[in-house]
Amino acid sequence: MTADEIAAFCLQLPGAREDLKWGSNRVFSVAGNKMFAILDFLGDGLAFKVDADLFLGQVDRPGIRPAPYLARAHWITLVMPPPMGDEELRAALTRSHQLVVAKLPKYKRAGLLLD
């Protein structure tokens, strides 16, 4: 997937919006400011949240490493083009969105969780 295809996919997720932050980072978030993905992270990478129990397995893969400043929250960074297939990447971005939405207060979660 290209950066524009990743951005288009992220914006299709419920409640997602895109902002430019910290220079040229394209930040995708829900509920105003809860990030679930960052494009052009520290140059040209893609960063997003993963399940805690999958974090170490993901960072063992070539082209994937812990995200600087965000690794403690189980974020990973992928080089571009992503070292994952399109379907796997879509599933990972969807899961990142779900993980972030699940942490929102109930009144903000309504309508954002995916099946």
Protein backbone atom coordinates (compact mmCIF):
# COMPACT_ATOMS: atom_id res chain seq x y z
CA MET A 1 0.00 0.00 0.00
CA THR A 2 1.16 3.51 -0.73
CA ALA A 3 1.02 6.32 1.81
CA ASP A 4 -2.07 7.77 0.12
CA GLU A 5 -3.82 4.38 0.16
CA ILE A 6 -2.99 3.99 3.86
CA ALA A 7 -4.34 7.49 4.56
CA ALA A 8 -7.54 6.78 2.61
CA PHE A 9 -8.04 3.52 4.52
CA CYS A 10 -7.47 5.16 7.91
CA LEU A 11 -10.00 7.88 7.11
CA GLN A 12 -12.64 5.22 6.34
CA LEU A 13 -12.51 3.96 9.93
CA PRO A 14 -15.35 5.22 12.16
CA GLY A 15 -14.72 8.67 13.61
CA ALA A 16 -11.23 8.98 12.10
CA ARG A 17 -9.72 12.31 11.17
CA GLU A 18 -6.35 13.45 9.88
CA ASP A 19 -4.21 16.29 11.18
CA LEU A 20 -0.71 17.52 10.43
CA LYS A 21 1.41 17.63 13.60
CA TRP A 22 5.05 18.05 14.51
CA GLY A 23 6.05 19.31 11.09
CA SER A 24 5.07 16.80 8.42
CA ASN A 25 3.56 13.94 10.44
CA ARG A 26 0.11 12.90 9.20
CA VAL A 27 -1.69 11.89 12.40
CA PHE A 28 -4.89 9.82 12.31
CA SER A 29 -7.00 10.01 15.44
CA VAL A 30 -10.44 9.51 16.93
CA ALA A 31 -12.37 11.49 19.54
CA GLY A 32 -10.43 14.63 18.77
CA ASN A 33 -6.94 13.68 19.90
CA LYS A 34 -6.53 9.93 20.45
CA MET A 35 -3.96 8.81 17.85
CA PHE A 36 -4.14 5.38 16.24
CA ALA A 37 -1.70 5.83 13.31
CA ILE A 38 1.01 8.24 12.15
CA LEU A 39 2.26 8.48 8.56
CA ASP A 40 5.66 10.03 7.75
CA PHE A 41 6.66 9.29 11.34
CA LEU A 42 10.23 10.54 11.88
CA GLY A 43 10.78 10.80 8.16
CA ASP A 44 9.00 8.25 6.05
CA GLY A 45 7.66 5.48 8.29
CA LEU A 46 4.22 4.37 9.44
CA ALA A 47 3.57 3.96 13.16
CA PHE A 48 0.56 2.45 14.90
CA LYS A 49 -0.50 0.66 18.09
CA VAL A 50 -0.52 -3.15 18.38
CA ASP A 51 -1.79 -5.56 21.02
CA ALA A 52 0.64 -5.85 23.94
CA ASP A 53 1.00 -9.61 23.48
CA LEU A 54 1.89 -9.18 19.78
CA PHE A 55 4.38 -6.32 20.24
CA LEU A 56 7.58 -8.38 20.64
CA GLY A 57 6.67 -10.70 17.79
CA GLN A 58 6.06 -7.76 15.47
CA VAL A 59 9.33 -5.98 16.22
CA ASP A 60 11.26 -9.19 15.45
CA ARG A 61 10.14 -8.96 11.81
CA PRO A 62 12.36 -7.25 9.22
CA GLY A 63 11.38 -3.65 8.54
CA ILE A 64 9.45 -3.30 11.83
CA ARG A 65 10.85 -1.78 15.01
CA PRO A 66 9.56 -0.24 18.25
CA ALA A 67 8.29 3.28 17.62
CA PRO A 68 10.55 5.89 19.24
CA TYR A 69 8.79 7.69 22.10
CA LEU A 70 5.71 5.44 21.76
CA ALA A 71 7.07 1.91 22.24
CA ARG A 72 6.07 1.85 25.91
CA ALA A 73 2.46 2.12 24.70
CA HIS A 74 3.08 -0.81 22.27
CA TRP A 75 3.48 1.21 19.08
CA ILE A 76 5.55 -0.08 16.17
CA THR A 77 7.12 1.67 13.18
CA LEU A 78 7.20 0.18 9.70
CA VAL A 79 9.52 1.31 6.94
CA MET A 80 7.87 2.36 3.69
CA PRO A 81 6.79 0.57 1.64
CA PRO A 82 5.33 -1.50 4.50
CA PRO A 83 6.80 -4.99 5.00
CA MET A 84 3.26 -6.40 5.39
CA GLY A 85 0.76 -7.46 2.78
CA ASP A 86 -2.17 -5.13 2.12
CA GLU A 87 -4.71 -7.30 3.97
CA GLU A 88 -2.45 -7.74 7.00
CA LEU A 89 -1.76 -4.00 7.10
CA ARG A 90 -5.47 -3.15 6.86
CA ALA A 91 -6.21 -5.59 9.70
CA ALA A 92 -3.40 -4.12 11.83
CA LEU A 93 -4.60 -0.54 11.29
CA THR A 94 -8.18 -1.57 12.07
CA ARG A 95 -6.97 -3.25 15.26
CA SER A 96 -4.99 -0.15 16.23
CA HIS A 97 -8.16 1.90 15.80
CA GLN A 98 -10.12 -0.59 17.92
CA LEU A 99 -7.49 -0.57 20.69
CA VAL A 100 -7.64 3.22 20.92
CA VAL A 101 -11.45 3.38 20.75
CA ALA A 102 -11.74 0.73 23.48
CA LYS A 103 -9.90 3.05 25.90
CA LEU A 104 -12.31 5.94 25.35
CA PRO A 105 -15.04 6.75 27.88
CA LYS A 106 -18.33 5.00 27.09
CA TYR A 107 -20.07 8.18 25.95
CA LYS A 108 -17.34 8.75 23.32
CA ARG A 109 -17.20 5.10 22.24
CA ALA A 110 -20.77 4.90 21.01
CA GLY A 111 -20.72 4.06 17.31
CA LEU A 112 -16.93 3.79 17.01
CA LEU A 113 -16.21 0.14 17.87
CA LEU A 114 -15.97 -2.23 14.95
CA ASP A 115 -17.39 -5.75 14.93
